[in-house]
Amino acid sequence: MDKVDTQGMYKIYDSWPEIARESYEAYHELVDFHDIDHIVFAGMGGSGAIGDLFASILSKSDIHVSLIKGYLLPKTADKKTLVVTTSVSGNTSETLTVLDSAAKLDCKLIAFSSGGKMEDKCKKNQIIFRKIPLVHSPRTSFVSFTYSILKTLNSVLPIKKNDIVESLDELDIMKKQIFSHNLSDSNPAINLASWISGIPIIYYPHGLQSTATRFKSSLQENAKTHAIIEDVIEACHNGIVSWEKPSVVQPVLLQGKDDYIKTKERFDIIKEFFTKRDIDFKEIHSVSGNILTKTISLIYMLDYATIYKAVLSKTDPSPVLPIDYIKSRI
């Protein structure tokens, strides 16, 4: 692993539970926003994945959530809107544009980054800003930013401290199964990485969309392989037809412990369909617990699987040269 993963990304994943707990337990100056009925999360890449997770957490609340992965704020942003801009590097052009736009409106605004242009803009324009250290890369900084934001926005987010503690405990449990000191057949992340030989298509229920999106992105960035995601219900109305022909695509069925009964039924039918046609598929199940526990533990296992996939294919997971090329051209 050291030979292929030259920057030691796997070592950061080994430490994710400790990084998450330290980030949550560290001192954070809390922010108390009132009278909010709309939260906008703006961010790209690894930073955008943080917004995806918070959208899942808020999915059963009465707060409307918008995810912005681009340059434009929704026109519905007003004085009851909280705009949360996240750029781990602090230099993401799309998110900086959203920050500038939000600063001109009568909405509430807070920014999170490790510094960069975002910190400078916030200081200059007296925007509420919280600095969170970069841990290796934006991808691996996921838990440090997530748990720091959970603490900072405690008054806004409808998640109890017990639920957060439960999620931290589950990360500890998951680590023992998947970390680099367990390079055996009992490691589910290694098993998944070894199974993936073609292009994975990840079928997910609505509640686990953030997990599927993160898995796709991590496969693309870490393992440098193509990946596809599809909502399992929507796929039954279109995507399933593509399986009439042989394919190098491999189905991954991402399932939650408490999926809606009709969603469970749909997964059962799809598994029956694949079995009858001798299509090999992989099932991945969440643990029990609250929505944060389910998503964060799944993300941990699936992210580590992309590191193992990179190592097995002799691909260094850290460099992202095509992204660097595009940024150099912007």
C-alpha atoms as a PDB file:
ATOM      1  CA  MET A   1       0.000   0.000   0.000  1.00  0.00           C
ATOM      2  CA  ASP A   2       2.836   2.387   0.771  1.00  0.00           C
ATOM      3  CA  LYS A   3       4.405   1.672  -2.613  1.00  0.00           C
ATOM      4  CA  VAL A   4       1.246   2.576  -4.575  1.00  0.00           C
ATOM      5  CA  ASP A   5      -0.364   5.131  -2.247  1.00  0.00           C
ATOM      6  CA  THR A   6       2.691   7.393  -2.219  1.00  0.00           C
ATOM      7  CA  GLN A   7       1.061  10.161  -0.160  1.00  0.00           C
ATOM      8  CA  GLY A   8      -0.378   7.804   2.447  1.00  0.00           C
ATOM      9  CA  MET A   9      -4.036   8.568   1.883  1.00  0.00           C
ATOM     10  CA  TYR A  10      -4.986   5.229   3.451  1.00  0.00           C
ATOM     11  CA  LYS A  11      -3.379   6.339   6.716  1.00  0.00           C
ATOM     12  CA  ILE A  12      -5.806   9.275   6.893  1.00  0.00           C
ATOM     13  CA  TYR A  13      -8.713   6.877   6.427  1.00  0.00           C
ATOM     14  CA  ASP A  14      -7.298   4.729   9.203  1.00  0.00           C
ATOM     15  CA  SER A  15      -7.616   7.821  11.413  1.00  0.00           C
ATOM     16  CA  TRP A  16     -11.068   8.979  10.278  1.00  0.00           C
ATOM     17  CA  PRO A  17     -12.881   8.012  13.524  1.00  0.00           C
ATOM     18  CA  GLU A  18     -10.302   9.892  15.622  1.00  0.00           C
ATOM     19  CA  ILE A  19     -10.348  12.900  13.276  1.00  0.00           C
ATOM     20  CA  ALA A  20     -14.152  12.985  13.380  1.00  0.00           C
ATOM     21  CA  ARG A  21     -14.330  12.815  17.177  1.00  0.00           C
ATOM     22  CA  GLU A  22     -11.587  15.398  17.677  1.00  0.00           C
ATOM     23  CA  SER A  23     -13.293  17.738  15.212  1.00  0.00           C
ATOM     24  CA  TYR A  24     -16.618  17.472  17.002  1.00  0.00           C
ATOM     25  CA  GLU A  25     -15.144  17.798  20.491  1.00  0.00           C
ATOM     26  CA  ALA A  26     -12.858  20.716  19.587  1.00  0.00           C
ATOM     27  CA  TYR A  27     -13.864  24.256  20.484  1.00  0.00           C
ATOM     28  CA  HIS A  28     -16.053  25.846  17.839  1.00  0.00           C
ATOM     29  CA  GLU A  29     -17.634  29.253  18.129  1.00  0.00           C
ATOM     30  CA  LEU A  30     -21.305  28.446  17.677  1.00  0.00           C
ATOM     31  CA  VAL A  31     -23.603  30.446  15.431  1.00  0.00           C
ATOM     32  CA  ASP A  32     -27.272  30.846  16.292  1.00  0.00           C
ATOM     33  CA  PHE A  33     -29.365  31.618  13.223  1.00  0.00           C
ATOM     34  CA  HIS A  34     -33.092  32.228  13.723  1.00  0.00           C
ATOM     35  CA  ASP A  35     -36.191  32.239  11.518  1.00  0.00           C
ATOM     36  CA  ILE A  36     -34.792  30.014   8.754  1.00  0.00           C
ATOM     37  CA  ASP A  37     -36.950  27.977   6.368  1.00  0.00           C
ATOM     38  CA  HIS A  38     -34.413  27.456   3.581  1.00  0.00           C
ATOM     39  CA  ILE A  39     -30.760  26.349   3.695  1.00  0.00           C
ATOM     40  CA  VAL A  40     -28.511  26.505   0.659  1.00  0.00           C
ATOM     41  CA  PHE A  41     -25.352  24.369   0.685  1.00  0.00           C
ATOM     42  CA  ALA A  42     -22.819  25.466  -1.928  1.00  0.00           C
ATOM     43  CA  GLY A  43     -19.691  23.463  -2.706  1.00  0.00           C
ATOM     44  CA  MET A  44     -17.946  21.417  -5.351  1.00  0.00           C
ATOM     45  CA  GLY A  45     -16.238  18.026  -5.300  1.00  0.00           C
ATOM     46  CA  GLY A  46     -15.272  16.845  -1.823  1.00  0.00           C
ATOM     47  CA  SER A  47     -16.745  20.034  -0.377  1.00  0.00           C
ATOM     48  CA  GLY A  48     -19.982  19.461  -2.274  1.00  0.00           C
ATOM     49  CA  ALA A  49     -20.257  15.978  -0.768  1.00  0.00           C
ATOM     50  CA  ILE A  50     -20.583  17.640   2.634  1.00  0.00           C
ATOM     51  CA  GLY A  51     -23.660  19.488   1.400  1.00  0.00           C
ATOM     52  CA  ASP A  52     -25.084  16.216   0.067  1.00  0.00           C
ATOM     53  CA  LEU A  53     -24.772  14.683   3.524  1.00  0.00           C
ATOM     54  CA  PHE A  54     -26.476  17.606   5.249  1.00  0.00           C
ATOM     55  CA  ALA A  55     -29.292  17.483   2.702  1.00  0.00           C
ATOM     56  CA  SER A  56     -29.858  13.858   3.767  1.00  0.00           C
ATOM     57  CA  ILE A  57     -29.876  14.829   7.436  1.00  0.00           C
ATOM     58  CA  LEU A  58     -32.426  17.565   6.760  1.00  0.00           C
ATOM     59  CA  SER A  59     -34.561  15.481   4.378  1.00  0.00           C
ATOM     60  CA  LYS A  60     -37.240  14.761   6.980  1.00  0.00           C
ATOM     61  CA  SER A  61     -37.307  18.259   8.479  1.00  0.00           C
ATOM     62  CA  ASP A  62     -39.562  21.151   7.471  1.00  0.00           C
ATOM     63  CA  ILE A  63     -36.559  23.120   6.191  1.00  0.00           C
ATOM     64  CA  HIS A  64     -36.240  23.413   2.423  1.00  0.00           C
ATOM     65  CA  VAL A  65     -32.726  22.495   1.224  1.00  0.00           C
ATOM     66  CA  SER A  66     -30.996  23.528  -2.008  1.00  0.00           C
ATOM     67  CA  LEU A  67     -27.686  22.071  -3.190  1.00  0.00           C
ATOM     68  CA  ILE A  68     -25.608  24.343  -5.401  1.00  0.00           C
ATOM     69  CA  LYS A  69     -22.833  22.729  -7.404  1.00  0.00           C
ATOM     70  CA  GLY A  70     -22.136  25.591  -9.723  1.00  0.00           C
ATOM     71  CA  TYR A  71     -22.168  29.369  -9.852  1.00  0.00           C
ATOM     72  CA  LEU A  72     -25.774  30.464  -9.337  1.00  0.00           C
ATOM     73  CA  LEU A  73     -27.840  30.933  -6.184  1.00  0.00           C
ATOM     74  CA  PRO A  74     -31.520  29.942  -6.383  1.00  0.00           C
ATOM     75  CA  LYS A  75     -33.795  32.932  -6.953  1.00  0.00           C
ATOM     76  CA  THR A  76     -35.812  31.840  -3.906  1.00  0.00           C
ATOM     77  CA  ALA A  77     -32.981  32.911  -1.540  1.00  0.00           C
ATOM     78  CA  ASP A  78     -34.306  35.610   0.815  1.00  0.00           C
ATOM     79  CA  LYS A  79     -34.041  36.850   4.409  1.00  0.00           C
ATOM     80  CA  LYS A  80     -35.197  33.450   5.720  1.00  0.00           C
ATOM     81  CA  THR A  81     -32.445  31.656   3.792  1.00  0.00           C
ATOM     82  CA  LEU A  82     -29.141  30.507   5.268  1.00  0.00           C
ATOM     83  CA  VAL A  83     -26.397  30.116   2.671  1.00  0.00           C
ATOM     84  CA  VAL A  84     -23.581  27.762   3.735  1.00  0.00           C
ATOM     85  CA  THR A  85     -20.566  27.944   1.433  1.00  0.00           C
ATOM     86  CA  THR A  86     -17.923  25.246   1.829  1.00  0.00           C
ATOM     87  CA  SER A  87     -14.586  25.106   0.039  1.00  0.00           C
ATOM     88  CA  VAL A  88     -11.954  23.019   1.785  1.00  0.00           C
ATOM     89  CA  SER A  89      -9.204  24.721  -0.214  1.00  0.00           C
ATOM     90  CA  GLY A  90     -10.872  28.113   0.002  1.00  0.00           C
ATOM     91  CA  ASN A  91     -10.153  28.738  -3.679  1.00  0.00           C
ATOM     92  CA  THR A  92     -13.024  27.037  -5.529  1.00  0.00           C
ATOM     93  CA  SER A  93     -14.181  29.533  -8.155  1.00  0.00           C
ATOM     94  CA  GLU A  94     -17.797  28.345  -8.312  1.00  0.00           C
ATOM     95  CA  THR A  95     -18.267  28.542  -4.538  1.00  0.00           C
ATOM     96  CA  LEU A  96     -16.539  31.916  -4.315  1.00  0.00           C
ATOM     97  CA  THR A  97     -19.005  33.230  -6.907  1.00  0.00           C
ATOM     98  CA  VAL A  98     -21.930  31.987  -4.791  1.00  0.00           C
ATOM     99  CA  LEU A  99     -20.360  33.640  -1.738  1.00  0.00           C
ATOM    100  CA  ASP A 100     -20.155  36.969  -3.578  1.00  0.00           C
ATOM    101  CA  SER A 101     -23.771  36.692  -4.732  1.00  0.00           C
ATOM    102  CA  ALA A 102     -25.086  35.774  -1.274  1.00  0.00           C
ATOM    103  CA  ALA A 103     -23.208  38.676   0.317  1.00  0.00           C
ATOM    104  CA  LYS A 104     -25.255  41.081  -1.840  1.00  0.00           C
ATOM    105  CA  LEU A 105     -28.591  39.636  -0.704  1.00  0.00           C
ATOM    106  CA  ASP A 106     -30.581  39.987   2.504  1.00  0.00           C
ATOM    107  CA  CYS A 107     -29.915  36.372   3.526  1.00  0.00           C
ATOM    108  CA  LYS A 108     -27.912  34.808   6.316  1.00  0.00           C
ATOM    109  CA  LEU A 109     -24.454  33.600   5.350  1.00  0.00           C
ATOM    110  CA  ILE A 110     -21.630  31.524   6.786  1.00  0.00           C
ATOM    111  CA  ALA A 111     -18.490  30.165   5.111  1.00  0.00           C
ATOM    112  CA  PHE A 112     -16.207  27.233   5.940  1.00  0.00           C
ATOM    113  CA  SER A 113     -12.734  26.644   4.496  1.00  0.00           C
ATOM    114  CA  SER A 114      -9.113  25.968   5.429  1.00  0.00           C
ATOM    115  CA  GLY A 115      -8.200  29.491   4.339  1.00  0.00           C
ATOM    116  CA  GLY A 116      -7.467  30.757   0.821  1.00  0.00           C
ATOM    117  CA  LYS A 117      -9.471  33.367  -1.039  1.00  0.00           C
ATOM    118  CA  MET A 118     -12.627  32.505   0.881  1.00  0.00           C
ATOM    119  CA  GLU A 119     -11.066  33.520   4.183  1.00  0.00           C
ATOM    120  CA  ASP A 120      -9.806  36.773   2.652  1.00  0.00           C
ATOM    121  CA  LYS A 121     -13.222  37.615   1.191  1.00  0.00           C
ATOM    122  CA  CYS A 122     -14.976  36.916   4.473  1.00  0.00           C
ATOM    123  CA  LYS A 123     -12.608  39.110   6.469  1.00  0.00           C
ATOM    124  CA  LYS A 124     -12.901  41.922   3.944  1.00  0.00           C
ATOM    125  CA  ASN A 125     -16.708  41.798   3.822  1.00  0.00           C
ATOM    126  CA  GLN A 126     -17.350  40.891   7.493  1.00  0.00           C
ATOM    127  CA  ILE A 127     -18.941  37.553   6.612  1.00  0.00           C
ATOM    128  CA  ILE A 128     -19.160  34.908   9.346  1.00  0.00           C
ATOM    129  CA  PHE A 129     -16.270  32.529   8.708  1.00  0.00           C
ATOM    130  CA  ARG A 130     -14.988  29.365  10.337  1.00  0.00           C
ATOM    131  CA  LYS A 131     -11.521  28.028   9.538  1.00  0.00           C
ATOM    132  CA  ILE A 132     -11.114  24.249   9.550  1.00  0.00           C
ATOM    133  CA  PRO A 133      -7.709  22.675   8.862  1.00  0.00           C
ATOM    134  CA  LEU A 134      -7.117  20.735   5.653  1.00  0.00           C
ATOM    135  CA  VAL A 135      -6.400  17.041   6.286  1.00  0.00           C
ATOM    136  CA  HIS A 136      -4.377  15.753   3.318  1.00  0.00           C
ATOM    137  CA  SER A 137      -6.940  16.719   0.648  1.00  0.00           C
ATOM    138  CA  PRO A 138     -10.557  17.918   0.300  1.00  0.00           C
ATOM    139  CA  ARG A 139     -11.707  14.292  -0.071  1.00  0.00           C
ATOM    140  CA  THR A 140     -10.083  13.092   3.129  1.00  0.00           C
ATOM    141  CA  SER A 141     -11.106  16.237   5.021  1.00  0.00           C
ATOM    142  CA  PHE A 142     -14.724  15.105   4.757  1.00  0.00           C
ATOM    143  CA  VAL A 143     -15.206  14.042   8.383  1.00  0.00           C
ATOM    144  CA  SER A 144     -13.273  16.948   9.916  1.00  0.00           C
ATOM    145  CA  PHE A 145     -15.451  19.467   8.043  1.00  0.00           C
ATOM    146  CA  THR A 146     -18.668  17.491   8.582  1.00  0.00           C
ATOM    147  CA  TYR A 147     -18.339  17.227  12.354  1.00  0.00           C
ATOM    148  CA  SER A 148     -17.030  20.784  12.730  1.00  0.00           C
ATOM    149  CA  ILE A 149     -20.055  22.081  10.828  1.00  0.00           C
ATOM    150  CA  LEU A 150     -22.378  19.858  12.873  1.00  0.00           C
ATOM    151  CA  LYS A 151     -21.032  21.499  16.022  1.00  0.00           C
ATOM    152  CA  THR A 152     -21.019  25.061  14.656  1.00  0.00           C
ATOM    153  CA  LEU A 153     -24.570  24.902  13.252  1.00  0.00           C
ATOM    154  CA  ASN A 154     -26.001  22.934  16.172  1.00  0.00           C
ATOM    155  CA  SER A 155     -28.848  25.429  16.661  1.00  0.00           C
ATOM    156  CA  VAL A 156     -29.966  25.087  13.030  1.00  0.00           C
ATOM    157  CA  LEU A 157     -29.614  21.386  12.291  1.00  0.00           C
ATOM    158  CA  PRO A 158     -32.352  19.089  13.669  1.00  0.00           C
ATOM    159  CA  ILE A 159     -30.015  16.359  14.892  1.00  0.00           C
ATOM    160  CA  LYS A 160     -29.534  15.426  18.514  1.00  0.00           C
ATOM    161  CA  LYS A 161     -26.188  15.108  20.263  1.00  0.00           C
ATOM    162  CA  ASN A 162     -26.949  11.437  20.998  1.00  0.00           C
ATOM    163  CA  ASP A 163     -27.303  10.800  17.274  1.00  0.00           C
ATOM    164  CA  ILE A 164     -23.950  12.432  16.586  1.00  0.00           C
ATOM    165  CA  VAL A 165     -22.280  10.401  19.329  1.00  0.00           C
ATOM    166  CA  GLU A 166     -23.877   7.236  17.897  1.00  0.00           C
ATOM    167  CA  SER A 167     -22.384   8.014  14.490  1.00  0.00           C
ATOM    168  CA  LEU A 168     -18.926   8.526  16.013  1.00  0.00           C
ATOM    169  CA  ASP A 169     -19.168   5.211  17.854  1.00  0.00           C
ATOM    170  CA  GLU A 170     -20.177   3.454  14.626  1.00  0.00           C
ATOM    171  CA  LEU A 171     -17.118   4.873  12.854  1.00  0.00           C
ATOM    172  CA  ASP A 172     -14.968   3.230  15.542  1.00  0.00           C
ATOM    173  CA  ILE A 173     -16.719  -0.102  14.939  1.00  0.00           C
ATOM    174  CA  MET A 174     -16.404   0.203  11.170  1.00  0.00           C
ATOM    175  CA  LYS A 175     -12.702   1.016  11.398  1.00  0.00           C
ATOM    176  CA  LYS A 176     -11.926  -2.354  12.975  1.00  0.00           C
ATOM    177  CA  GLN A 177     -13.466  -4.085   9.966  1.00  0.00           C
ATOM    178  CA  ILE A 178     -11.947  -2.059   7.127  1.00  0.00           C
ATOM    179  CA  PHE A 179      -8.666  -0.407   8.186  1.00  0.00           C
ATOM    180  CA  SER A 180      -5.241  -1.337   6.882  1.00  0.00           C
ATOM    181  CA  HIS A 181      -4.464  -3.629   9.813  1.00  0.00           C
ATOM    182  CA  ASN A 182      -7.170  -6.016   8.617  1.00  0.00           C
ATOM    183  CA  LEU A 183      -6.020  -7.046   5.151  1.00  0.00           C
ATOM    184  CA  SER A 184      -8.052 -10.248   5.202  1.00  0.00           C
ATOM    185  CA  ASP A 185     -11.161 -11.778   3.666  1.00  0.00           C
ATOM    186  CA  SER A 186     -13.198 -10.400   6.557  1.00  0.00           C
ATOM    187  CA  ASN A 187     -12.619  -6.838   5.321  1.00  0.00           C
ATOM    188  CA  PRO A 188     -15.790  -5.774   3.398  1.00  0.00           C
ATOM    189  CA  ALA A 189     -14.010  -2.845   1.723  1.00  0.00           C
ATOM    190  CA  ILE A 190     -11.348  -5.153   0.260  1.00  0.00           C
ATOM    191  CA  ASN A 191     -14.005  -7.641  -0.861  1.00  0.00           C
ATOM    192  CA  LEU A 192     -15.899  -4.907  -2.688  1.00  0.00           C
ATOM    193  CA  ALA A 193     -12.726  -3.512  -4.266  1.00  0.00           C
ATOM    194  CA  SER A 194     -11.694  -6.979  -5.454  1.00  0.00           C
ATOM    195  CA  TRP A 195     -15.136  -7.608  -6.947  1.00  0.00           C
ATOM    196  CA  ILE A 196     -15.177  -4.429  -9.046  1.00  0.00           C
ATOM    197  CA  SER A 197     -13.614  -5.263 -12.397  1.00  0.00           C
ATOM    198  CA  GLY A 198     -15.764  -3.257 -14.792  1.00  0.00           C
ATOM    199  CA  ILE A 199     -17.838  -0.089 -14.446  1.00  0.00           C
ATOM    200  CA  PRO A 200     -19.977  -0.118 -11.296  1.00  0.00           C
ATOM    201  CA  ILE A 201     -23.527   1.192 -11.522  1.00  0.00           C
ATOM    202  CA  ILE A 202     -24.732   2.091  -8.052  1.00  0.00           C
ATOM    203  CA  TYR A 203     -28.471   1.752  -7.424  1.00  0.00           C
ATOM    204  CA  TYR A 204     -29.576   3.691  -4.355  1.00  0.00           C
ATOM    205  CA  PRO A 205     -32.769   4.567  -2.447  1.00  0.00           C
ATOM    206  CA  HIS A 206     -33.645   8.252  -2.129  1.00  0.00           C
ATOM    207  CA  GLY A 207     -32.367   8.497   1.459  1.00  0.00           C
ATOM    208  CA  LEU A 208     -28.892   7.273   0.489  1.00  0.00           C
ATOM    209  CA  GLN A 209     -28.355   9.503  -2.537  1.00  0.00           C
ATOM    210  CA  SER A 210     -25.539  11.360  -0.757  1.00  0.00           C
ATOM    211  CA  THR A 211     -23.754   8.053  -0.105  1.00  0.00           C
ATOM    212  CA  ALA A 212     -24.070   6.929  -3.720  1.00  0.00           C
ATOM    213  CA  THR A 213     -22.856  10.280  -5.015  1.00  0.00           C
ATOM    214  CA  ARG A 214     -19.843  10.213  -2.716  1.00  0.00           C
ATOM    215  CA  PHE A 215     -18.999   6.613  -3.717  1.00  0.00           C
ATOM    216  CA  LYS A 216     -19.137   7.535  -7.403  1.00  0.00           C
ATOM    217  CA  SER A 217     -16.905  10.567  -6.889  1.00  0.00           C
ATOM    218  CA  SER A 218     -14.388   8.628  -4.797  1.00  0.00           C
ATOM    219  CA  LEU A 219     -14.177   5.860  -7.385  1.00  0.00           C
ATOM    220  CA  GLN A 220     -13.519   8.490 -10.044  1.00  0.00           C
ATOM    221  CA  GLU A 221     -10.916  10.433  -8.053  1.00  0.00           C
ATOM    222  CA  ASN A 222      -9.186   7.688  -6.068  1.00  0.00           C
ATOM    223  CA  ALA A 223      -9.406   4.648  -8.335  1.00  0.00           C
ATOM    224  CA  LYS A 224      -9.548   6.679 -11.583  1.00  0.00           C
ATOM    225  CA  THR A 225     -12.414   4.534 -12.866  1.00  0.00           C
ATOM    226  CA  HIS A 226     -15.794   5.352 -14.366  1.00  0.00           C
ATOM    227  CA  ALA A 227     -18.885   4.918 -12.189  1.00  0.00           C
ATOM    228  CA  ILE A 228     -22.623   5.472 -12.614  1.00  0.00           C
ATOM    229  CA  ILE A 229     -25.400   6.118 -10.084  1.00  0.00           C
ATOM    230  CA  GLU A 230     -29.148   5.652 -10.488  1.00  0.00           C
ATOM    231  CA  ASP A 231     -32.118   6.041  -8.162  1.00  0.00           C
ATOM    232  CA  VAL A 232     -33.488   2.505  -7.845  1.00  0.00           C
ATOM    233  CA  ILE A 233     -37.124   3.536  -8.319  1.00  0.00           C
ATOM    234  CA  GLU A 234     -36.423   5.717 -11.357  1.00  0.00           C
ATOM    235  CA  ALA A 235     -34.194   2.997 -12.855  1.00  0.00           C
ATOM    236  CA  CYS A 236     -37.197   0.675 -12.915  1.00  0.00           C
ATOM    237  CA  HIS A 237     -38.799   3.038 -15.437  1.00  0.00           C
ATOM    238  CA  ASN A 238     -35.829   3.303 -17.821  1.00  0.00           C
ATOM    239  CA  GLY A 239     -32.318   2.131 -16.860  1.00  0.00           C
ATOM    240  CA  ILE A 240     -33.292  -1.472 -16.188  1.00  0.00           C
ATOM    241  CA  VAL A 241     -33.970  -1.990 -19.912  1.00  0.00           C
ATOM    242  CA  SER A 242     -30.260  -1.618 -20.716  1.00  0.00           C
ATOM    243  CA  TRP A 243     -29.681  -5.011 -19.068  1.00  0.00           C
ATOM    244  CA  GLU A 244     -31.270  -6.755 -22.045  1.00  0.00           C
ATOM    245  CA  LYS A 245     -27.791  -6.760 -23.579  1.00  0.00           C
ATOM    246  CA  PRO A 246     -24.496  -8.104 -22.127  1.00  0.00           C
ATOM    247  CA  SER A 247     -22.451  -5.383 -20.392  1.00  0.00           C
ATOM    248  CA  VAL A 248     -19.191  -4.726 -18.538  1.00  0.00           C
ATOM    249  CA  VAL A 249     -21.228  -2.657 -16.094  1.00  0.00           C
ATOM    250  CA  GLN A 250     -21.604  -4.180 -12.610  1.00  0.00           C
ATOM    251  CA  PRO A 251     -24.671  -3.540 -10.437  1.00  0.00           C
ATOM    252  CA  VAL A 252     -24.100  -2.450  -6.831  1.00  0.00           C
ATOM    253  CA  LEU A 253     -27.288  -2.374  -4.747  1.00  0.00           C
ATOM    254  CA  LEU A 254     -26.944   0.178  -1.952  1.00  0.00           C
ATOM    255  CA  GLN A 255     -29.652  -0.471   0.645  1.00  0.00           C
ATOM    256  CA  GLY A 256     -30.687   1.089   3.941  1.00  0.00           C
ATOM    257  CA  LYS A 257     -31.865  -0.847   6.978  1.00  0.00           C
ATOM    258  CA  ASP A 258     -35.078   1.183   7.150  1.00  0.00           C
ATOM    259  CA  ASP A 259     -35.846   1.741   3.477  1.00  0.00           C
ATOM    260  CA  TYR A 260     -39.477   2.443   2.588  1.00  0.00           C
ATOM    261  CA  ILE A 261     -41.406  -0.813   2.176  1.00  0.00           C
ATOM    262  CA  LYS A 262     -42.040  -0.210  -1.541  1.00  0.00           C
ATOM    263  CA  THR A 263     -38.341   0.526  -2.069  1.00  0.00           C
ATOM    264  CA  LYS A 264     -37.446  -2.789  -0.430  1.00  0.00           C
ATOM    265  CA  GLU A 265     -39.943  -4.506  -2.697  1.00  0.00           C
ATOM    266  CA  ARG A 266     -38.316  -2.907  -5.750  1.00  0.00           C
ATOM    267  CA  PHE A 267     -34.854  -4.067  -4.690  1.00  0.00           C
ATOM    268  CA  ASP A 268     -36.210  -7.620  -4.283  1.00  0.00           C
ATOM    269  CA  ILE A 269     -37.674  -7.555  -7.783  1.00  0.00           C
ATOM    270  CA  ILE A 270     -34.440  -6.229  -9.286  1.00  0.00           C
ATOM    271  CA  LYS A 271     -32.418  -8.935  -7.517  1.00  0.00           C
ATOM    272  CA  GLU A 272     -34.820 -11.533  -8.891  1.00  0.00           C
ATOM    273  CA  PHE A 273     -34.424 -10.004 -12.368  1.00  0.00           C
ATOM    274  CA  PHE A 274     -30.609 -10.093 -12.182  1.00  0.00           C
ATOM    275  CA  THR A 275     -30.538 -13.633 -10.788  1.00  0.00           C
ATOM    276  CA  LYS A 276     -32.730 -15.009 -13.583  1.00  0.00           C
ATOM    277  CA  ARG A 277     -30.361 -13.486 -16.141  1.00  0.00           C
ATOM    278  CA  ASP A 278     -27.161 -14.606 -14.401  1.00  0.00           C
ATOM    279  CA  ILE A 279     -26.087 -10.994 -13.854  1.00  0.00           C
ATOM    280  CA  ASP A 280     -23.642 -10.825 -10.958  1.00  0.00           C
ATOM    281  CA  PHE A 281     -24.455  -8.063  -8.472  1.00  0.00           C
ATOM    282  CA  LYS A 282     -23.201  -6.843  -5.125  1.00  0.00           C
ATOM    283  CA  GLU A 283     -25.386  -5.887  -2.162  1.00  0.00           C
ATOM    284  CA  ILE A 284     -24.232  -3.246   0.316  1.00  0.00           C
ATOM    285  CA  HIS A 285     -26.357  -2.660   3.425  1.00  0.00           C
ATOM    286  CA  SER A 286     -26.235   0.213   5.879  1.00  0.00           C
ATOM    287  CA  VAL A 287     -25.971  -0.305   9.613  1.00  0.00           C
ATOM    288  CA  SER A 288     -28.923   0.443  11.885  1.00  0.00           C
ATOM    289  CA  GLY A 289     -29.237   3.870  13.436  1.00  0.00           C
ATOM    290  CA  ASN A 290     -30.104   7.453  12.633  1.00  0.00           C
ATOM    291  CA  ILE A 291     -29.574   8.934   9.158  1.00  0.00           C
ATOM    292  CA  LEU A 292     -26.157  10.399  10.042  1.00  0.00           C
ATOM    293  CA  THR A 293     -24.946   7.057  11.407  1.00  0.00           C
ATOM    294  CA  LYS A 294     -26.127   5.187   8.330  1.00  0.00           C
ATOM    295  CA  THR A 295     -24.629   7.572   5.795  1.00  0.00           C
ATOM    296  CA  ILE A 296     -21.296   8.332   7.475  1.00  0.00           C
ATOM    297  CA  SER A 297     -20.480   4.667   8.194  1.00  0.00           C
ATOM    298  CA  LEU A 298     -21.380   3.682   4.627  1.00  0.00           C
ATOM    299  CA  ILE A 299     -19.290   6.518   3.214  1.00  0.00           C
ATOM    300  CA  TYR A 300     -16.365   5.368   5.360  1.00  0.00           C
ATOM    301  CA  MET A 301     -16.533   1.788   4.103  1.00  0.00           C
ATOM    302  CA  LEU A 302     -17.136   2.741   0.472  1.00  0.00           C
ATOM    303  CA  ASP A 303     -14.406   5.384   0.439  1.00  0.00           C
ATOM    304  CA  TYR A 304     -11.914   2.891   1.821  1.00  0.00           C
ATOM    305  CA  ALA A 305     -12.997   0.423  -0.873  1.00  0.00           C
ATOM    306  CA  THR A 306     -11.928   2.979  -3.495  1.00  0.00           C
ATOM    307  CA  ILE A 307      -8.481   3.191  -1.869  1.00  0.00           C
ATOM    308  CA  TYR A 308      -8.142  -0.596  -1.974  1.00  0.00           C
ATOM    309  CA  LYS A 309      -9.375  -0.569  -5.575  1.00  0.00           C
ATOM    310  CA  ALA A 310      -6.694   1.986  -6.452  1.00  0.00           C
ATOM    311  CA  VAL A 311      -3.970  -0.061  -4.770  1.00  0.00           C
ATOM    312  CA  LEU A 312      -5.119  -3.317  -6.406  1.00  0.00           C
ATOM    313  CA  SER A 313      -4.945  -1.631  -9.816  1.00  0.00           C
ATOM    314  CA  LYS A 314      -1.569  -0.025  -8.956  1.00  0.00           C
ATOM    315  CA  THR A 315      -3.054   3.485  -9.159  1.00  0.00           C
ATOM    316  CA  ASP A 316      -1.917   6.246  -6.808  1.00  0.00           C
ATOM    317  CA  PRO A 317      -5.179   7.576  -5.300  1.00  0.00           C
ATOM    318  CA  SER A 318      -3.962  11.077  -4.416  1.00  0.00           C
ATOM    319  CA  PRO A 319      -3.083  12.854  -7.711  1.00  0.00           C
ATOM    320  CA  VAL A 320      -6.009  14.296  -9.703  1.00  0.00           C
ATOM    321  CA  LEU A 321      -4.147  15.624 -12.747  1.00  0.00           C
ATOM    322  CA  PRO A 322      -7.222  16.134 -14.998  1.00  0.00           C
ATOM    323  CA  ILE A 323      -8.815  18.318 -12.301  1.00  0.00           C
ATOM    324  CA  ASP A 324      -5.579  20.284 -12.001  1.00  0.00           C
ATOM    325  CA  TYR A 325      -5.594  20.770 -15.788  1.00  0.00           C
ATOM    326  CA  ILE A 326      -9.160  22.112 -15.810  1.00  0.00           C
ATOM    327  CA  LYS A 327      -8.440  24.457 -12.890  1.00  0.00           C
ATOM    328  CA  SER A 328      -5.386  25.783 -14.727  1.00  0.00           C
ATOM    329  CA  ARG A 329      -7.608  26.619 -17.708  1.00  0.00           C
ATOM    330  CA  ILE A 330     -10.357  28.424 -15.763  1.00  0.00           C
END
